[in-house]
C-alpha atoms as a PDB file:
ATOM      1  CA  UNK A   1      -8.395  -2.415  -0.803  1.00  0.00           C
ATOM      2  CA  UNK A   2     -10.710   0.572  -0.452  1.00  0.00           C
ATOM      3  CA  UNK A   3     -10.070   3.415  -2.855  1.00  0.00           C
ATOM      4  CA  UNK A   4     -12.887   5.478  -1.399  1.00  0.00           C
ATOM      5  CA  UNK A   5     -15.835   5.142   0.932  1.00  0.00           C
ATOM      6  CA  UNK A   6     -18.450   7.781   0.182  1.00  0.00           C
ATOM      7  CA  UNK A   7     -22.077   8.328  -0.720  1.00  0.00           C
ATOM      8  CA  UNK A   8     -23.270   7.521  -4.229  1.00  0.00           C
ATOM      9  CA  UNK A   9     -24.331  11.113  -4.873  1.00  0.00           C
ATOM     10  CA  UNK A  10     -20.795  12.402  -4.239  1.00  0.00           C
ATOM     11  CA  UNK A  11     -19.461  10.225  -7.087  1.00  0.00           C
ATOM     12  CA  UNK A  12     -22.180  11.043  -9.616  1.00  0.00           C
ATOM     13  CA  UNK A  13     -21.046  14.572 -10.510  1.00  0.00           C
ATOM     14  CA  UNK A  14     -17.397  13.745 -11.418  1.00  0.00           C
ATOM     15  CA  UNK A  15     -18.419  10.489 -13.141  1.00  0.00           C
ATOM     16  CA  UNK A  16     -21.075  12.231 -15.226  1.00  0.00           C
ATOM     17  CA  UNK A  17     -18.555  14.911 -16.184  1.00  0.00           C
ATOM     18  CA  UNK A  18     -16.239  12.359 -17.842  1.00  0.00           C
ATOM     19  CA  UNK A  19     -18.713   9.639 -18.881  1.00  0.00           C
ATOM     20  CA  UNK A  20     -20.054  11.539 -21.897  1.00  0.00           C
ATOM     21  CA  UNK A  21     -16.966  10.685 -23.935  1.00  0.00           C
ATOM     22  CA  UNK A  22     -17.171   6.926 -23.303  1.00  0.00           C
ATOM     23  CA  UNK A  23     -18.594   4.676 -26.009  1.00  0.00           C
ATOM     24  CA  UNK A  24     -20.050   1.370 -24.866  1.00  0.00           C
ATOM     25  CA  UNK A  25     -18.897  -0.673 -27.855  1.00  0.00           C
ATOM     26  CA  UNK A  26     -15.468   0.646 -28.646  1.00  0.00           C
ATOM     27  CA  UNK A  27     -12.981  -1.457 -30.640  1.00  0.00           C
ATOM     28  CA  UNK A  28     -10.482  -0.887 -27.795  1.00  0.00           C
ATOM     29  CA  UNK A  29     -12.253  -2.093 -24.612  1.00  0.00           C
ATOM     30  CA  UNK A  30      -9.982  -0.010 -22.373  1.00  0.00           C
ATOM     31  CA  UNK A  31     -11.636   3.113 -23.813  1.00  0.00           C
ATOM     32  CA  UNK A  32     -14.999   1.976 -22.409  1.00  0.00           C
ATOM     33  CA  UNK A  33     -13.841   2.715 -18.870  1.00  0.00           C
ATOM     34  CA  UNK A  34     -13.016   5.553 -16.497  1.00  0.00           C
ATOM     35  CA  UNK A  35      -9.586   5.638 -14.853  1.00  0.00           C
ATOM     36  CA  UNK A  36      -9.686   6.471 -11.130  1.00  0.00           C
ATOM     37  CA  UNK A  37      -6.470   7.353  -9.327  1.00  0.00           C
ATOM     38  CA  UNK A  38      -6.220   8.491  -5.730  1.00  0.00           C
ATOM     39  CA  UNK A  39      -3.857  10.707  -3.778  1.00  0.00           C
ATOM     40  CA  UNK A  40      -4.235  11.633  -0.105  1.00  0.00           C
ATOM     41  CA  UNK A  41      -6.301  14.712  -1.013  1.00  0.00           C
ATOM     42  CA  UNK A  42      -8.310  13.849  -4.135  1.00  0.00           C
ATOM     43  CA  UNK A  43      -9.402  11.283  -6.709  1.00  0.00           C
ATOM     44  CA  UNK A  44      -8.865  11.958 -10.411  1.00  0.00           C
ATOM     45  CA  UNK A  45     -11.397  10.706 -12.966  1.00  0.00           C
ATOM     46  CA  UNK A  46     -10.083  10.348 -16.534  1.00  0.00           C
ATOM     47  CA  UNK A  47     -11.855   9.200 -19.709  1.00  0.00           C
ATOM     48  CA  UNK A  48     -10.655   9.332 -23.312  1.00  0.00           C
ATOM     49  CA  UNK A  49     -11.689   8.362 -26.821  1.00  0.00           C
ATOM     50  CA  UNK A  50      -8.051   8.674 -28.025  1.00  0.00           C
ATOM     51  CA  UNK A  51      -8.669  12.068 -29.624  1.00  0.00           C
ATOM     52  CA  UNK A  52     -10.083  13.852 -26.571  1.00  0.00           C
ATOM     53  CA  UNK A  53      -9.380  13.330 -22.873  1.00  0.00           C
ATOM     54  CA  UNK A  54     -11.640  14.619 -20.110  1.00  0.00           C
ATOM     55  CA  UNK A  55     -10.328  14.896 -16.556  1.00  0.00           C
ATOM     56  CA  UNK A  56     -11.969  15.988 -13.336  1.00  0.00           C
ATOM     57  CA  UNK A  57     -11.257  15.431  -9.663  1.00  0.00           C
ATOM     58  CA  UNK A  58     -13.036  15.076  -6.354  1.00  0.00           C
ATOM     59  CA  UNK A  59     -11.679  16.086  -2.942  1.00  0.00           C
ATOM     60  CA  UNK A  60     -11.486  13.347  -0.305  1.00  0.00           C
ATOM     61  CA  UNK A  61     -10.905  13.335   3.434  1.00  0.00           C
ATOM     62  CA  UNK A  62      -7.883  11.534   4.845  1.00  0.00           C
ATOM     63  CA  UNK A  63      -5.507   9.041   3.283  1.00  0.00           C
ATOM     64  CA  UNK A  64      -6.712   5.857   1.642  1.00  0.00           C
ATOM     65  CA  UNK A  65      -5.728   2.360   2.629  1.00  0.00           C
ATOM     66  CA  UNK A  66      -2.158   1.408   1.842  1.00  0.00           C
ATOM     67  CA  UNK A  67      -1.740  -1.067  -0.981  1.00  0.00           C
ATOM     68  CA  UNK A  68      -0.489  -4.275   0.559  1.00  0.00           C
ATOM     69  CA  UNK A  69       0.466  -7.758  -0.546  1.00  0.00           C
ATOM     70  CA  UNK A  70       0.770 -10.972   1.418  1.00  0.00           C
ATOM     71  CA  UNK A  71       4.215 -12.449   0.838  1.00  0.00           C
ATOM     72  CA  UNK A  72       6.582 -14.311   3.116  1.00  0.00           C
ATOM     73  CA  UNK A  73      10.193 -13.172   3.427  1.00  0.00           C
ATOM     74  CA  UNK A  74      12.949 -13.218   6.035  1.00  0.00           C
ATOM     75  CA  UNK A  75      13.520 -10.140   8.171  1.00  0.00           C
ATOM     76  CA  UNK A  76      16.500  -9.454  10.387  1.00  0.00           C
ATOM     77  CA  UNK A  77      16.956  -6.523  12.670  1.00  0.00           C
ATOM     78  CA  UNK A  78      17.750  -5.204  16.100  1.00  0.00           C
ATOM     79  CA  UNK A  79      15.570  -4.167  19.020  1.00  0.00           C
ATOM     80  CA  UNK A  80      18.036  -2.118  21.101  1.00  0.00           C
ATOM     81  CA  UNK A  81      20.872  -4.658  21.442  1.00  0.00           C
ATOM     82  CA  UNK A  82      18.740  -7.787  20.888  1.00  0.00           C
ATOM     83  CA  UNK A  83      18.840  -9.516  17.483  1.00  0.00           C
ATOM     84  CA  UNK A  84      15.400  -9.924  15.906  1.00  0.00           C
ATOM     85  CA  UNK A  85      14.783 -12.598  13.279  1.00  0.00           C
ATOM     86  CA  UNK A  86      11.432 -13.448  11.778  1.00  0.00           C
ATOM     87  CA  UNK A  87       9.322 -13.656   8.685  1.00  0.00           C
ATOM     88  CA  UNK A  88       7.649 -10.662   7.120  1.00  0.00           C
ATOM     89  CA  UNK A  89       4.085 -10.819   5.805  1.00  0.00           C
ATOM     90  CA  UNK A  90       1.504  -8.314   4.598  1.00  0.00           C
ATOM     91  CA  UNK A  91       3.990  -5.840   3.167  1.00  0.00           C
ATOM     92  CA  UNK A  92       2.931  -2.282   2.301  1.00  0.00           C
ATOM     93  CA  UNK A  93       4.732   1.006   1.760  1.00  0.00           C
ATOM     94  CA  UNK A  94       3.744   1.940   5.313  1.00  0.00           C
ATOM     95  CA  UNK A  95       4.895  -1.174   7.148  1.00  0.00           C
ATOM     96  CA  UNK A  96       4.725  -4.931   7.517  1.00  0.00           C
ATOM     97  CA  UNK A  97       3.565  -7.746   9.744  1.00  0.00           C
ATOM     98  CA  UNK A  98       6.525  -9.482  11.370  1.00  0.00           C
ATOM     99  CA  UNK A  99       6.072 -13.057  12.581  1.00  0.00           C
ATOM    100  CA  UNK A 100       8.665 -13.612  15.308  1.00  0.00           C
ATOM    101  CA  UNK A 101       9.401 -16.435  17.772  1.00  0.00           C
ATOM    102  CA  UNK A 102       9.549 -14.020  20.745  1.00  0.00           C
ATOM    103  CA  UNK A 103       7.399 -11.035  21.732  1.00  0.00           C
ATOM    104  CA  UNK A 104       8.508  -7.510  20.895  1.00  0.00           C
ATOM    105  CA  UNK A 105       7.347  -4.596  23.004  1.00  0.00           C
ATOM    106  CA  UNK A 106       4.888  -2.098  21.519  1.00  0.00           C
ATOM    107  CA  UNK A 107       6.734   1.158  20.939  1.00  0.00           C
ATOM    108  CA  UNK A 108      10.085  -0.554  20.321  1.00  0.00           C
ATOM    109  CA  UNK A 109      12.043   0.832  17.376  1.00  0.00           C
ATOM    110  CA  UNK A 110      13.562  -1.820  15.118  1.00  0.00           C
ATOM    111  CA  UNK A 111      16.375  -1.546  12.593  1.00  0.00           C
ATOM    112  CA  UNK A 112      15.220  -4.019   9.926  1.00  0.00           C
ATOM    113  CA  UNK A 113      16.558  -5.377   6.654  1.00  0.00           C
ATOM    114  CA  UNK A 114      14.962  -7.638   4.078  1.00  0.00           C
ATOM    115  CA  UNK A 115      15.013  -8.475   0.395  1.00  0.00           C
ATOM    116  CA  UNK A 116      11.861  -8.118  -1.654  1.00  0.00           C
ATOM    117  CA  UNK A 117      10.943 -11.701  -2.652  1.00  0.00           C
ATOM    118  CA  UNK A 118      12.134 -12.682  -6.111  1.00  0.00           C
ATOM    119  CA  UNK A 119      14.305  -9.578  -6.471  1.00  0.00           C
ATOM    120  CA  UNK A 120      17.751  -8.367  -5.504  1.00  0.00           C
ATOM    121  CA  UNK A 121      16.306  -5.253  -3.892  1.00  0.00           C
ATOM    122  CA  UNK A 122      17.416  -4.977  -0.274  1.00  0.00           C
ATOM    123  CA  UNK A 123      15.308  -2.739   1.923  1.00  0.00           C
ATOM    124  CA  UNK A 124      16.738  -1.118   5.049  1.00  0.00           C
ATOM    125  CA  UNK A 125      14.386   0.716   7.367  1.00  0.00           C
ATOM    126  CA  UNK A 126      13.595   1.718  10.895  1.00  0.00           C
ATOM    127  CA  UNK A 127      10.186   0.713  12.102  1.00  0.00           C
ATOM    128  CA  UNK A 128       8.117   1.220  15.211  1.00  0.00           C
ATOM    129  CA  UNK A 129       6.172  -1.666  16.729  1.00  0.00           C
ATOM    130  CA  UNK A 130       2.521  -0.574  16.782  1.00  0.00           C
ATOM    131  CA  UNK A 131       0.876  -3.923  17.497  1.00  0.00           C
ATOM    132  CA  UNK A 132       2.007  -7.156  19.126  1.00  0.00           C
ATOM    133  CA  UNK A 133      -0.054 -10.272  19.767  1.00  0.00           C
ATOM    134  CA  UNK A 134       0.543 -13.965  20.275  1.00  0.00           C
ATOM    135  CA  UNK A 135      -0.651 -15.793  17.192  1.00  0.00           C
ATOM    136  CA  UNK A 136      -1.201 -19.425  16.287  1.00  0.00           C
ATOM    137  CA  UNK A 137       1.421 -22.046  17.083  1.00  0.00           C
ATOM    138  CA  UNK A 138       3.106 -19.856  19.715  1.00  0.00           C
ATOM    139  CA  UNK A 139       4.510 -17.286  17.289  1.00  0.00           C
ATOM    140  CA  UNK A 140       4.134 -13.555  17.815  1.00  0.00           C
ATOM    141  CA  UNK A 141       2.578 -11.294  15.205  1.00  0.00           C
ATOM    142  CA  UNK A 142       4.109  -7.843  15.337  1.00  0.00           C
ATOM    143  CA  UNK A 143       2.797  -4.868  13.341  1.00  0.00           C
ATOM    144  CA  UNK A 144       5.705  -2.650  12.291  1.00  0.00           C
ATOM    145  CA  UNK A 145       5.138   0.847  10.907  1.00  0.00           C
ATOM    146  CA  UNK A 146       8.029   2.283   8.896  1.00  0.00           C
ATOM    147  CA  UNK A 147       9.308   5.506  10.463  1.00  0.00           C
ATOM    148  CA  UNK A 148      12.513   5.887   8.477  1.00  0.00           C
ATOM    149  CA  UNK A 149      12.461   4.526   4.928  1.00  0.00           C
ATOM    150  CA  UNK A 150      14.287   6.131   2.013  1.00  0.00           C
ATOM    151  CA  UNK A 151      12.112   7.440  -0.833  1.00  0.00           C
ATOM    152  CA  UNK A 152      13.846   4.977  -3.185  1.00  0.00           C
ATOM    153  CA  UNK A 153      13.045   2.006  -0.913  1.00  0.00           C
ATOM    154  CA  UNK A 154       9.457   3.240  -0.467  1.00  0.00           C
ATOM    155  CA  UNK A 155       9.107   3.431  -4.268  1.00  0.00           C
ATOM    156  CA  UNK A 156      10.539  -0.100  -4.644  1.00  0.00           C
ATOM    157  CA  UNK A 157       8.017  -1.456  -2.139  1.00  0.00           C
ATOM    158  CA  UNK A 158       5.097   0.402  -3.716  1.00  0.00           C
ATOM    159  CA  UNK A 159       6.088  -0.841  -7.167  1.00  0.00           C
ATOM    160  CA  UNK A 160       6.432  -4.383  -5.813  1.00  0.00           C
ATOM    161  CA  UNK A 161       3.037  -4.496  -4.054  1.00  0.00           C
ATOM    162  CA  UNK A 162       1.161  -2.957  -6.984  1.00  0.00           C
ATOM    163  CA  UNK A 163       2.690  -5.162  -9.698  1.00  0.00           C
END
């Protein structure tokens, strides 16, 4: 996963602003690091020695890569009136890769449902097919981008893929 792709010089100023508080041989190793967290518009740099915290940020262009995890789970849904059944892989808060026995047309809108593996959390979403290709062993790999996903379900997925 890429947090940021930029020139070295662009990172030096915010890193130098927070690095002065960091001790190399601290009794708590976590305090020997800088926390980076990204939003769509900026990256925050945070350092602390427990008593003092220094924070700065850096503007970035465009959204970062979605956090994604490769898991296998069953997906059911509908493409117009046709039942769609397959296995989901490469789950992210923005979409998933659906492995299906039959092709699905690019641009098709699917009503899909699945449970996050190992949980009782059922996700219901509408997704648009943005990629479709015949994969190995005659199966079809279909890229589905979520176009209607509740904020609660999006948060469940994000929590799942980052844990």
